[in-house]
């Protein structure tokens, strides 16, 4: 192990010494202040060897004002007081923020600097990936932030079609050992799952199979409208899955290019009525509306839960993982299903913006252009060579550390090691990096393999609203005015109807009128439709 580390450190030194360096003699500014975010596990960026090497390449020094808590509050204070750093990094500004701060000249337009002379790495990427440029170009034709994205998809593991790791957020699973004990098959329909859950409850399977306290069996437990651990995958039997996403939670796009909200569709009403009956029968966890992911995980790892959702069986079920298998996407009462897939992680421009206080944007952008090199972004995402990535295979692809190696060398798991070393900011991880620069994490490979081989065959229509749509200032104002209230109203009513039932013709019509008259549903729908139409037209050119 010591020999491997020595070789890797030598490789790391050789790499950093050979990194592209820009002459600093033309720089008019060599001291910069950058304010931004960092992981709660990060020790800060002052002693980060990768960042320090990149500064040395240019002969500059950066003072880092970074934090994991109260970032938005502190950024707002600095902007409101006109006390700007040279740049904001890792803040996550929305397109609405970028337009607002661009129009009032808090942020500068970066377009004149994204050239082969100043930013050769990024310029080459934008030439090869014009969609990235369009995603960060605001409706006024200007760019107020550098691109950031993680293009982790099935192409990165050698599959012929590329589906983002986010395409289906929730994988459902069931205790096969309990089924076998009861002489039952893995359900293929919602009605069959209902009967299985009744059997789990009536036979108190957690007590019977694992010696849990009598009455502790939870036939099904999930969160409510949560990312990878919600109940939404089960709605597929009614023709939709309203995932938490980056556009609007209940927005869907059909194959003809028409957008709509499933939350006012009659199928949505039918789904809530159907699953309320499950809840009333005690088949769904009464704490689903309030529990955290760690609370769900604790219940699963104590052997209480028959059915749940997560990305990985092993992570959720712990020592009981071998007893579980994936559930298929279940057909509903009409014998069909439809999974509303979602897009990949968006390309966004909210991770690095330069302010009007910067005297020498070109030099600072030369610093960030180094981030758009595959091996550099690898180290900014995971840690310097010699930590997360220890050695290269015969093809020169860097291999990530194993869980055992991480514990032995650093006294922490691989995931914690990554968080401790990760740098927030404009990291653009292209899908090709996984085949020519560094290997994907083992967990990601497992997740993508399951996605492609098991889950995607259940998907009939991959139409999805693109999160890279660009909105006009007026449209962004409409979204800012209505979106939060609209989503809160829908989520609140969804939870009430699941728990308490009571959807009548009158209450259904009243709900739709409330969304339309008070929550801006029609205005939002028009905004999303117009933005998509422009996007589709641009893609067709």
Protein backbone atom coordinates (compact mmCIF):
# COMPACT_ATOMS: atom_id res chain seq x y z
CA UNK A 1 0.00 0.00 0.00
CA UNK A 2 2.84 2.44 0.81
CA UNK A 3 4.38 1.73 -2.60
CA UNK A 4 1.07 2.45 -4.34
CA UNK A 5 0.71 5.75 -2.48
CA UNK A 6 4.26 6.78 -3.32
CA UNK A 7 3.75 6.04 -7.00
CA UNK A 8 0.42 7.84 -7.04
CA UNK A 9 1.82 10.93 -5.32
CA UNK A 10 4.59 11.00 -7.89
CA UNK A 11 2.05 10.79 -10.66
CA UNK A 12 0.04 13.55 -9.01
CA UNK A 13 3.11 15.82 -8.84
CA UNK A 14 3.99 15.09 -12.46
CA UNK A 15 0.44 15.82 -13.53
CA UNK A 16 0.19 19.13 -11.71
CA UNK A 17 3.60 20.24 -12.94
CA UNK A 18 2.55 19.49 -16.52
CA UNK A 19 -0.85 21.18 -16.21
CA UNK A 20 -1.51 24.02 -18.60
CA UNK A 21 -0.24 27.22 -17.02
CA UNK A 22 -1.06 30.70 -18.19
CA UNK A 23 1.51 33.47 -18.09
CA UNK A 24 0.68 35.88 -15.32
CA UNK A 25 2.75 38.81 -16.48
CA UNK A 26 -0.27 40.45 -18.14
CA UNK A 27 -2.47 40.13 -15.06
CA UNK A 28 -3.69 43.38 -13.56
CA UNK A 29 -5.00 41.62 -10.43
CA UNK A 30 -3.34 38.81 -8.53
CA UNK A 31 -5.34 38.83 -5.28
CA UNK A 32 -8.97 37.68 -5.43
CA UNK A 33 -11.75 37.05 -2.92
CA UNK A 34 -14.30 34.33 -3.66
CA UNK A 35 -17.35 33.72 -1.51
CA UNK A 36 -19.32 30.52 -1.67
CA UNK A 37 -20.43 27.18 -0.34
CA UNK A 38 -18.72 24.02 0.80
CA UNK A 39 -19.66 20.63 2.20
CA UNK A 40 -20.37 20.40 5.91
CA UNK A 41 -17.49 17.90 6.08
CA UNK A 42 -15.05 20.13 4.22
CA UNK A 43 -12.17 21.68 6.21
CA UNK A 44 -12.24 24.66 3.84
CA UNK A 45 -10.26 25.44 0.73
CA UNK A 46 -7.17 27.22 2.07
CA UNK A 47 -5.08 24.04 2.15
CA UNK A 48 -6.68 22.28 -0.81
CA UNK A 49 -3.71 21.03 -2.83
CA UNK A 50 -5.55 21.05 -6.16
CA UNK A 51 -6.85 24.60 -5.80
CA UNK A 52 -3.47 25.81 -4.61
CA UNK A 53 -1.73 24.24 -7.60
CA UNK A 54 -4.19 25.88 -9.98
CA UNK A 55 -3.50 29.25 -8.36
CA UNK A 56 0.25 28.69 -8.60
CA UNK A 57 -0.13 27.94 -12.30
CA UNK A 58 -1.31 31.53 -12.76
CA UNK A 59 0.64 33.26 -10.04
CA UNK A 60 -2.48 34.40 -8.20
CA UNK A 61 -3.83 34.04 -4.67
CA UNK A 62 -7.45 33.54 -3.70
CA UNK A 63 -8.94 34.29 -0.31
CA UNK A 64 -11.78 31.84 0.26
CA UNK A 65 -14.84 32.94 2.22
CA UNK A 66 -16.75 29.65 2.28
CA UNK A 67 -19.40 28.16 4.52
CA UNK A 68 -21.81 25.25 4.70
CA UNK A 69 -24.49 26.99 6.77
CA UNK A 70 -26.29 30.31 6.25
CA UNK A 71 -24.79 30.69 2.79
CA UNK A 72 -27.86 32.20 1.12
CA UNK A 73 -28.32 34.65 4.00
CA UNK A 74 -24.71 35.80 3.93
CA UNK A 75 -24.71 36.15 0.13
CA UNK A 76 -27.84 38.28 0.29
CA UNK A 77 -26.25 40.49 2.93
CA UNK A 78 -23.16 41.05 0.79
CA UNK A 79 -25.18 41.81 -2.34
CA UNK A 80 -27.69 44.07 -0.57
CA UNK A 81 -24.84 46.04 1.01
CA UNK A 82 -22.95 46.39 -2.27
CA UNK A 83 -19.97 44.63 -0.67
CA UNK A 84 -19.13 42.27 -3.49
CA UNK A 85 -16.36 39.67 -3.57
CA UNK A 86 -14.69 39.13 -6.93
CA UNK A 87 -16.89 36.09 -7.51
CA UNK A 88 -19.56 33.92 -5.96
CA UNK A 89 -18.93 30.18 -6.22
CA UNK A 90 -21.11 27.18 -5.33
CA UNK A 91 -24.09 29.32 -4.35
CA UNK A 92 -26.60 27.79 -6.77
CA UNK A 93 -28.18 30.94 -8.17
CA UNK A 94 -31.35 30.34 -10.17
CA UNK A 95 -31.79 31.68 -13.69
CA UNK A 96 -34.09 34.28 -12.16
CA UNK A 97 -31.26 35.41 -9.85
CA UNK A 98 -28.77 35.47 -12.71
CA UNK A 99 -31.01 37.64 -14.86
CA UNK A 100 -31.80 40.00 -12.00
CA UNK A 101 -28.19 40.45 -10.94
CA UNK A 102 -27.06 40.62 -14.54
CA UNK A 103 -29.52 43.35 -15.40
CA UNK A 104 -28.48 45.49 -12.43
CA UNK A 105 -24.80 44.82 -13.29
CA UNK A 106 -23.98 43.03 -10.05
CA UNK A 107 -22.80 40.14 -12.25
CA UNK A 108 -20.85 40.75 -15.43
CA UNK A 109 -21.48 39.17 -18.83
CA UNK A 110 -18.92 36.41 -19.34
CA UNK A 111 -19.49 36.01 -23.06
CA UNK A 112 -16.53 38.22 -24.13
CA UNK A 113 -14.16 36.09 -22.05
CA UNK A 114 -15.26 32.63 -23.20
CA UNK A 115 -12.76 32.51 -26.04
CA UNK A 116 -10.01 30.07 -27.10
CA UNK A 117 -7.43 32.61 -25.91
CA UNK A 118 -8.80 33.07 -22.38
CA UNK A 119 -10.78 29.86 -21.79
CA UNK A 120 -9.52 27.22 -24.25
CA UNK A 121 -10.87 24.23 -22.30
CA UNK A 122 -14.40 25.59 -21.90
CA UNK A 123 -14.47 26.99 -25.44
CA UNK A 124 -13.67 23.56 -26.85
CA UNK A 125 -16.40 21.94 -24.74
CA UNK A 126 -19.00 24.48 -25.86
CA UNK A 127 -17.99 23.91 -29.46
CA UNK A 128 -18.52 20.17 -29.09
CA UNK A 129 -21.65 20.52 -26.89
CA UNK A 130 -23.70 23.48 -28.16
CA UNK A 131 -26.56 22.46 -25.89
CA UNK A 132 -24.44 23.43 -22.89
CA UNK A 133 -23.93 26.93 -24.28
CA UNK A 134 -27.64 27.35 -24.94
CA UNK A 135 -28.46 26.16 -21.40
CA UNK A 136 -26.35 28.89 -19.77
CA UNK A 137 -27.22 31.68 -22.20
CA UNK A 138 -29.98 33.84 -20.77
CA UNK A 139 -32.82 35.28 -22.85
CA UNK A 140 -30.88 38.54 -23.29
CA UNK A 141 -28.12 36.60 -25.06
CA UNK A 142 -25.65 36.98 -22.20
CA UNK A 143 -23.93 34.48 -19.91
CA UNK A 144 -23.78 35.38 -16.24
CA UNK A 145 -22.39 32.11 -14.90
CA UNK A 146 -20.15 29.24 -15.96
CA UNK A 147 -21.72 25.84 -16.73
CA UNK A 148 -21.99 23.08 -14.16
CA UNK A 149 -23.44 19.61 -14.65
CA UNK A 150 -22.85 15.95 -13.96
CA UNK A 151 -23.72 13.87 -17.00
CA UNK A 152 -23.89 10.51 -15.25
CA UNK A 153 -25.84 8.12 -17.41
CA UNK A 154 -26.04 4.61 -18.76
CA UNK A 155 -23.73 5.43 -21.68
CA UNK A 156 -21.00 5.74 -19.07
CA UNK A 157 -21.33 2.02 -18.31
CA UNK A 158 -21.33 1.00 -21.96
CA UNK A 159 -25.06 0.83 -22.67
CA UNK A 160 -26.26 1.75 -26.19
CA UNK A 161 -28.86 4.27 -24.98
CA UNK A 162 -27.97 7.00 -22.52
CA UNK A 163 -30.43 7.44 -19.66
CA UNK A 164 -29.55 9.76 -16.82
CA UNK A 165 -29.13 8.28 -13.37
CA UNK A 166 -32.06 10.51 -12.37
CA UNK A 167 -34.48 9.08 -14.97
CA UNK A 168 -36.40 7.01 -12.41
CA UNK A 169 -35.64 8.33 -8.92
CA UNK A 170 -37.38 5.59 -6.90
CA UNK A 171 -36.79 1.85 -7.00
CA UNK A 172 -39.40 -0.15 -5.08
CA UNK A 173 -38.57 -3.36 -3.24
CA UNK A 174 -40.37 -6.13 -1.36
CA UNK A 175 -39.41 -8.77 1.21
CA UNK A 176 -39.23 -11.97 -0.85
CA UNK A 177 -38.54 -14.11 2.23
CA UNK A 178 -41.90 -13.04 3.67
CA UNK A 179 -43.60 -13.83 0.36
CA UNK A 180 -42.01 -17.28 0.25
CA UNK A 181 -43.07 -18.04 3.80
CA UNK A 182 -46.65 -17.14 2.91
CA UNK A 183 -46.56 -19.00 -0.40
CA UNK A 184 -47.11 -15.79 -2.38
CA UNK A 185 -45.60 -14.55 -5.64
CA UNK A 186 -44.01 -11.16 -6.29
CA UNK A 187 -46.93 -8.87 -7.21
CA UNK A 188 -47.29 -7.52 -10.73
CA UNK A 189 -50.34 -5.32 -10.13
CA UNK A 190 -51.40 -2.85 -7.48
CA UNK A 191 -54.34 -5.04 -6.50
CA UNK A 192 -51.97 -7.97 -5.96
CA UNK A 193 -49.66 -5.79 -3.88
CA UNK A 194 -52.65 -4.72 -1.78
CA UNK A 195 -53.44 -8.34 -0.95
CA UNK A 196 -49.79 -9.05 -0.13
CA UNK A 197 -49.65 -6.09 2.24
CA UNK A 198 -52.79 -7.34 3.98
CA UNK A 199 -51.10 -10.73 4.41
CA UNK A 200 -47.94 -9.09 5.80
CA UNK A 201 -50.03 -7.23 8.37
CA UNK A 202 -52.35 -10.05 9.37
CA UNK A 203 -49.45 -12.47 9.84
CA UNK A 204 -47.28 -9.85 11.60
CA UNK A 205 -44.32 -10.89 9.47
CA UNK A 206 -41.67 -8.81 11.26
CA UNK A 207 -42.47 -10.65 14.48
CA UNK A 208 -42.86 -14.03 12.79
CA UNK A 209 -39.69 -13.94 10.68
CA UNK A 210 -37.32 -11.69 12.63
CA UNK A 211 -38.53 -11.89 16.20
CA UNK A 212 -39.57 -8.24 16.32
CA UNK A 213 -42.03 -7.04 18.93
CA UNK A 214 -45.61 -8.21 18.29
CA UNK A 215 -47.51 -5.74 16.12
CA UNK A 216 -44.39 -3.99 14.85
CA UNK A 217 -44.84 -5.01 11.18
CA UNK A 218 -45.13 -2.13 8.74
CA UNK A 219 -46.50 -3.58 5.49
CA UNK A 220 -45.28 -0.55 3.53
CA UNK A 221 -43.27 2.48 4.62
CA UNK A 222 -41.96 5.35 2.50
CA UNK A 223 -41.65 9.08 2.71
CA UNK A 224 -44.21 11.40 1.18
CA UNK A 225 -43.22 13.03 -2.14
CA UNK A 226 -39.55 12.46 -1.40
CA UNK A 227 -36.74 12.09 -3.93
CA UNK A 228 -35.67 8.43 -3.87
CA UNK A 229 -37.80 7.27 -0.95
CA UNK A 230 -41.31 8.52 -1.70
CA UNK A 231 -44.56 6.78 -2.64
CA UNK A 232 -44.69 8.21 -6.16
CA UNK A 233 -43.51 5.12 -8.07
CA UNK A 234 -46.77 3.39 -7.11
CA UNK A 235 -48.80 6.08 -8.92
CA UNK A 236 -47.51 4.61 -12.21
CA UNK A 237 -50.52 2.28 -12.20
CA UNK A 238 -52.65 5.36 -12.78
CA UNK A 239 -50.59 6.74 -15.65
CA UNK A 240 -48.09 9.10 -14.03
CA UNK A 241 -45.34 9.53 -11.44
CA UNK A 242 -45.14 13.07 -10.06
CA UNK A 243 -41.49 13.17 -9.07
CA UNK A 244 -39.81 15.91 -7.14
CA UNK A 245 -37.81 17.64 -9.88
CA UNK A 246 -36.12 20.83 -11.03
CA UNK A 247 -38.99 22.32 -13.07
CA UNK A 248 -42.35 21.90 -11.38
CA UNK A 249 -43.27 18.78 -9.44
CA UNK A 250 -46.44 17.88 -11.32
CA UNK A 251 -45.51 19.11 -14.80
CA UNK A 252 -45.41 16.53 -17.60
CA UNK A 253 -44.71 16.66 -21.31
CA UNK A 254 -46.47 14.35 -23.75
CA UNK A 255 -44.98 12.98 -26.96
CA UNK A 256 -46.76 15.69 -28.96
CA UNK A 257 -44.97 18.46 -27.08
CA UNK A 258 -47.90 19.57 -24.93
CA UNK A 259 -47.29 20.33 -21.26
CA UNK A 260 -49.84 19.75 -18.53
CA UNK A 261 -50.16 19.30 -14.79
CA UNK A 262 -51.08 15.78 -13.64
CA UNK A 263 -52.36 17.18 -10.35
CA UNK A 264 -55.61 18.23 -12.06
CA UNK A 265 -55.99 15.07 -14.14
CA UNK A 266 -58.82 12.68 -13.22
CA UNK A 267 -56.24 9.88 -13.00
CA UNK A 268 -54.59 11.77 -10.15
CA UNK A 269 -57.91 11.90 -8.28
CA UNK A 270 -58.39 8.17 -8.85
CA UNK A 271 -54.91 7.41 -7.52
CA UNK A 272 -55.38 9.37 -4.30
CA UNK A 273 -58.77 7.76 -3.71
CA UNK A 274 -57.27 4.30 -4.28
CA UNK A 275 -54.27 4.73 -1.98
CA UNK A 276 -56.31 6.39 0.76
CA UNK A 277 -58.06 3.05 1.12
CA UNK A 278 -54.65 1.43 1.70
CA UNK A 279 -53.80 4.05 4.30
CA UNK A 280 -57.16 3.60 6.05
CA UNK A 281 -56.53 -0.17 6.22
CA UNK A 282 -53.21 0.38 7.97
CA UNK A 283 -51.14 -0.85 5.05
CA UNK A 284 -49.14 2.38 4.69
CA UNK A 285 -47.02 3.77 7.53
CA UNK A 286 -48.93 6.45 9.47
CA UNK A 287 -45.59 8.29 9.88
CA UNK A 288 -44.94 8.51 6.13
CA UNK A 289 -45.84 12.21 6.08
CA UNK A 290 -43.41 13.22 8.81
CA UNK A 291 -40.54 10.75 8.99
CA UNK A 292 -37.03 11.50 7.79
CA UNK A 293 -34.97 9.26 5.54
CA UNK A 294 -32.87 8.18 8.51
CA UNK A 295 -36.01 7.19 10.42
CA UNK A 296 -37.22 5.14 7.45
CA UNK A 297 -33.82 3.49 7.16
CA UNK A 298 -33.84 2.62 10.87
CA UNK A 299 -37.23 0.90 10.54
CA UNK A 300 -36.08 -1.07 7.50
CA UNK A 301 -32.83 -2.13 9.12
CA UNK A 302 -34.71 -3.40 12.18
CA UNK A 303 -36.72 -5.72 9.95
CA UNK A 304 -40.08 -4.00 10.35
CA UNK A 305 -40.87 -3.05 6.72
CA UNK A 306 -42.23 -5.27 3.96
CA UNK A 307 -42.22 -2.80 1.04
CA UNK A 308 -40.30 0.44 0.56
CA UNK A 309 -38.45 2.60 -1.97
CA UNK A 310 -34.80 3.62 -2.28
CA UNK A 311 -31.96 3.58 -4.80
CA UNK A 312 -30.23 0.51 -3.35
CA UNK A 313 -31.67 -2.47 -1.52
CA UNK A 314 -28.45 -3.00 0.45
CA UNK A 315 -28.24 0.54 1.76
CA UNK A 316 -31.86 0.66 2.92
CA UNK A 317 -32.31 -2.85 4.27
CA UNK A 318 -28.92 -3.45 5.88
CA UNK A 319 -28.50 -6.93 7.30
CA UNK A 320 -31.88 -7.99 5.84
CA UNK A 321 -30.99 -6.97 2.28
CA UNK A 322 -30.68 -10.53 0.98
CA UNK A 323 -34.35 -11.10 1.77
CA UNK A 324 -35.50 -8.35 -0.63
CA UNK A 325 -35.99 -8.10 -4.40
CA UNK A 326 -37.11 -5.26 -6.64
CA UNK A 327 -40.82 -4.90 -7.31
CA UNK A 328 -41.75 -4.39 -10.95
CA UNK A 329 -43.62 -1.27 -11.99
CA UNK A 330 -47.14 -2.35 -11.10
CA UNK A 331 -50.18 -2.21 -13.34
CA UNK A 332 -53.17 -0.32 -12.03
CA UNK A 333 -56.85 -1.29 -11.94
CA UNK A 334 -57.13 -0.80 -15.73
CA UNK A 335 -54.24 -3.19 -16.41
CA UNK A 336 -51.71 -0.56 -17.55
CA UNK A 337 -48.93 1.59 -16.16
CA UNK A 338 -46.95 4.65 -17.20
CA UNK A 339 -43.74 5.91 -15.63
CA UNK A 340 -43.22 9.63 -16.10
CA UNK A 341 -39.45 9.75 -16.52
CA UNK A 342 -37.49 12.84 -15.65
CA UNK A 343 -34.55 14.51 -17.27
CA UNK A 344 -30.95 14.28 -16.18
CA UNK A 345 -29.23 16.71 -13.91
CA UNK A 346 -29.59 20.15 -15.43
CA UNK A 347 -26.77 22.13 -16.95
CA UNK A 348 -26.89 25.30 -14.91
CA UNK A 349 -24.97 28.52 -14.61
CA UNK A 350 -25.60 29.25 -10.95
CA UNK A 351 -22.31 27.90 -9.53
CA UNK A 352 -19.86 30.65 -10.56
CA UNK A 353 -20.58 34.30 -11.28
CA UNK A 354 -18.09 37.15 -11.40
CA UNK A 355 -19.12 40.47 -9.92
CA UNK A 356 -18.52 44.02 -11.04
CA UNK A 357 -15.97 44.36 -8.23
CA UNK A 358 -13.50 42.16 -10.11
CA UNK A 359 -10.82 44.28 -11.81
CA UNK A 360 -9.40 41.46 -13.93
CA UNK A 361 -12.10 38.96 -14.96
CA UNK A 362 -9.86 37.45 -17.66
CA UNK A 363 -7.26 36.24 -15.17
CA UNK A 364 -9.88 34.84 -12.82
CA UNK A 365 -11.59 33.06 -15.70
CA UNK A 366 -8.25 31.55 -16.75
CA UNK A 367 -8.13 30.06 -13.28
CA UNK A 368 -11.59 28.54 -13.69
CA UNK A 369 -10.90 27.35 -17.21
CA UNK A 370 -8.51 24.84 -15.66
CA UNK A 371 -11.56 23.31 -13.96
CA UNK A 372 -12.80 22.18 -17.38
CA UNK A 373 -10.01 19.60 -17.74
CA UNK A 374 -11.12 16.02 -17.09
CA UNK A 375 -8.44 15.09 -14.53
CA UNK A 376 -8.77 18.43 -12.75
CA UNK A 377 -12.55 18.22 -12.35
CA UNK A 378 -12.12 14.63 -11.20
CA UNK A 379 -9.97 15.83 -8.32
CA UNK A 380 -12.26 18.76 -7.51
CA UNK A 381 -15.21 16.39 -7.32
CA UNK A 382 -13.59 13.59 -5.33
CA UNK A 383 -10.24 14.72 -3.99
CA UNK A 384 -6.64 14.93 -5.19
CA UNK A 385 -4.93 11.95 -6.76
CA UNK A 386 -3.62 9.85 -3.91
CA UNK A 387 -6.84 10.11 -1.91
CA UNK A 388 -10.02 9.00 -3.68
CA UNK A 389 -8.25 7.88 -6.87
CA UNK A 390 -5.18 5.74 -6.17
CA UNK A 391 -4.10 4.10 -9.41
CA UNK A 392 -4.81 3.81 -13.12
CA UNK A 393 -5.79 0.69 -15.01
CA UNK A 394 -4.06 -0.57 -18.17
CA UNK A 395 -6.03 1.99 -20.22
CA UNK A 396 -5.01 4.92 -18.05
CA UNK A 397 -8.41 5.22 -16.36
CA UNK A 398 -8.21 6.31 -12.73
CA UNK A 399 -9.78 3.79 -10.34
CA UNK A 400 -11.65 4.93 -7.24
CA UNK A 401 -10.77 3.85 -3.75
CA UNK A 402 -12.61 0.90 -2.23
CA UNK A 403 -14.57 1.16 0.98
CA UNK A 404 -12.00 -1.01 2.73
CA UNK A 405 -9.07 1.07 1.49
CA UNK A 406 -10.78 4.29 2.53
CA UNK A 407 -11.33 3.01 6.06
CA UNK A 408 -7.76 1.70 6.28
CA UNK A 409 -6.04 4.81 4.90
CA UNK A 410 -8.29 7.62 6.12
CA UNK A 411 -10.50 6.19 8.84
CA UNK A 412 -13.72 7.03 7.01
CA UNK A 413 -15.97 5.60 4.31
CA UNK A 414 -15.52 6.43 0.64
CA UNK A 415 -18.63 8.61 0.58
CA UNK A 416 -17.46 10.62 3.58
CA UNK A 417 -13.99 10.90 2.05
CA UNK A 418 -15.49 12.37 -1.11
CA UNK A 419 -17.56 14.93 0.82
CA UNK A 420 -14.54 16.01 2.82
CA UNK A 421 -12.51 16.70 -0.33
CA UNK A 422 -15.18 17.92 -2.74
CA UNK A 423 -14.99 21.53 -3.96
CA UNK A 424 -18.27 23.28 -4.76
CA UNK A 425 -18.45 25.27 -7.98
CA UNK A 426 -18.64 25.04 -11.78
CA UNK A 427 -17.76 21.40 -12.22
CA UNK A 428 -18.75 20.04 -15.61
CA UNK A 429 -18.44 16.26 -15.58
CA UNK A 430 -19.06 15.06 -19.12
CA UNK A 431 -20.28 11.54 -19.78
CA UNK A 432 -17.15 10.76 -21.81
CA UNK A 433 -14.95 11.31 -18.74
CA UNK A 434 -16.21 7.99 -17.36
CA UNK A 435 -14.73 6.16 -20.35
CA UNK A 436 -11.52 8.13 -20.89
CA UNK A 437 -10.51 9.69 -17.55
CA UNK A 438 -11.88 8.13 -14.37
CA UNK A 439 -14.04 5.20 -13.42
CA UNK A 440 -17.52 5.72 -12.10
CA UNK A 441 -18.26 5.00 -8.45
CA UNK A 442 -19.29 1.41 -7.76
CA UNK A 443 -22.65 2.49 -6.32
CA UNK A 444 -23.41 4.57 -9.40
CA UNK A 445 -22.54 1.64 -11.67
CA UNK A 446 -24.90 -0.58 -9.70
CA UNK A 447 -27.68 2.01 -9.83
CA UNK A 448 -27.30 2.62 -13.57
CA UNK A 449 -27.16 -1.10 -14.30
CA UNK A 450 -30.38 -1.64 -12.37
CA UNK A 451 -31.96 1.35 -14.10
CA UNK A 452 -31.13 0.13 -17.59
CA UNK A 453 -31.60 -3.62 -17.20
CA UNK A 454 -34.55 -3.75 -14.81
CA UNK A 455 -36.49 -0.48 -14.76
CA UNK A 456 -36.30 1.06 -18.24
CA UNK A 457 -38.08 -1.91 -19.89
CA UNK A 458 -41.17 -0.76 -17.97
CA UNK A 459 -41.02 2.69 -19.60
CA UNK A 460 -43.08 3.12 -22.78
CA UNK A 461 -42.62 6.86 -23.36
CA UNK A 462 -39.42 8.74 -22.55
CA UNK A 463 -40.85 12.21 -23.29
CA UNK A 464 -39.63 14.56 -20.59
CA UNK A 465 -39.69 18.28 -19.99
CA UNK A 466 -36.09 19.55 -20.38
CA UNK A 467 -34.78 21.33 -17.32
CA UNK A 468 -32.41 23.28 -19.59
CA UNK A 469 -35.23 25.44 -20.95
CA UNK A 470 -34.39 29.14 -20.84
CA UNK A 471 -37.04 31.58 -19.62
CA UNK A 472 -37.49 35.26 -20.38
CA UNK A 473 -37.30 37.80 -17.52
CA UNK A 474 -41.09 38.14 -17.55
CA UNK A 475 -41.52 34.36 -17.45
CA UNK A 476 -39.07 34.08 -14.58
CA UNK A 477 -41.07 36.68 -12.68
CA UNK A 478 -44.22 34.60 -13.22
CA UNK A 479 -42.48 31.45 -11.98
CA UNK A 480 -41.08 33.33 -8.98
CA UNK A 481 -44.55 34.72 -8.20
CA UNK A 482 -46.55 31.49 -8.38
CA UNK A 483 -44.46 28.32 -8.36
CA UNK A 484 -43.84 27.93 -4.61
CA UNK A 485 -47.48 28.55 -3.66
CA UNK A 486 -48.72 26.27 -6.44
CA UNK A 487 -46.50 23.36 -5.42
CA UNK A 488 -47.24 23.85 -1.71
CA UNK A 489 -50.98 23.85 -2.36
CA UNK A 490 -50.80 20.68 -4.44
CA UNK A 491 -48.57 18.85 -1.94
CA UNK A 492 -50.68 19.86 1.04
CA UNK A 493 -53.92 18.72 -0.58
CA UNK A 494 -52.33 15.51 -1.86
CA UNK A 495 -51.26 14.64 1.68
CA UNK A 496 -54.68 15.44 3.14
CA UNK A 497 -56.52 13.34 0.58
CA UNK A 498 -54.14 10.40 1.03
CA UNK A 499 -54.54 10.51 4.77
CA UNK A 500 -58.16 11.59 5.22
CA UNK A 501 -59.82 10.79 1.89
CA UNK A 502 -62.97 12.71 1.09
CA UNK A 503 -62.49 13.63 -2.56
CA UNK A 504 -65.98 14.55 -3.78
CA UNK A 505 -67.02 16.15 -7.04
CA UNK A 506 -67.44 19.45 -5.21
CA UNK A 507 -64.10 19.32 -3.40
CA UNK A 508 -62.31 18.31 -6.61
CA UNK A 509 -63.76 21.23 -8.55
CA UNK A 510 -63.02 23.62 -5.68
CA UNK A 511 -59.41 22.42 -5.60
CA UNK A 512 -58.93 23.00 -9.32
CA UNK A 513 -60.48 26.45 -9.09
CA UNK A 514 -58.14 27.33 -6.22
CA UNK A 515 -55.10 26.30 -8.27
CA UNK A 516 -56.34 28.31 -11.22
CA UNK A 517 -57.62 31.43 -9.49
CA UNK A 518 -55.17 31.80 -6.58
CA UNK A 519 -52.05 29.79 -7.44
CA UNK A 520 -51.37 30.86 -11.01
CA UNK A 521 -51.79 27.43 -12.61
CA UNK A 522 -52.78 28.75 -16.02
CA UNK A 523 -50.05 31.37 -16.02
CA UNK A 524 -47.43 28.78 -15.08
CA UNK A 525 -48.67 26.38 -17.73
CA UNK A 526 -48.38 29.06 -20.40
CA UNK A 527 -44.85 29.94 -19.30
CA UNK A 528 -43.67 26.33 -19.40
CA UNK A 529 -45.36 25.73 -22.75
CA UNK A 530 -43.85 28.84 -24.35
CA UNK A 531 -40.38 28.05 -23.02
CA UNK A 532 -40.59 24.48 -24.29
CA UNK A 533 -41.80 25.59 -27.71
CA UNK A 534 -38.77 27.87 -28.06
CA UNK A 535 -36.48 25.08 -26.86
CA UNK A 536 -37.94 22.59 -29.35
CA UNK A 537 -37.66 25.10 -32.18
CA UNK A 538 -34.01 25.77 -31.34
CA UNK A 539 -33.23 22.06 -31.23
CA UNK A 540 -34.82 21.59 -34.63
CA UNK A 541 -32.62 24.22 -36.28
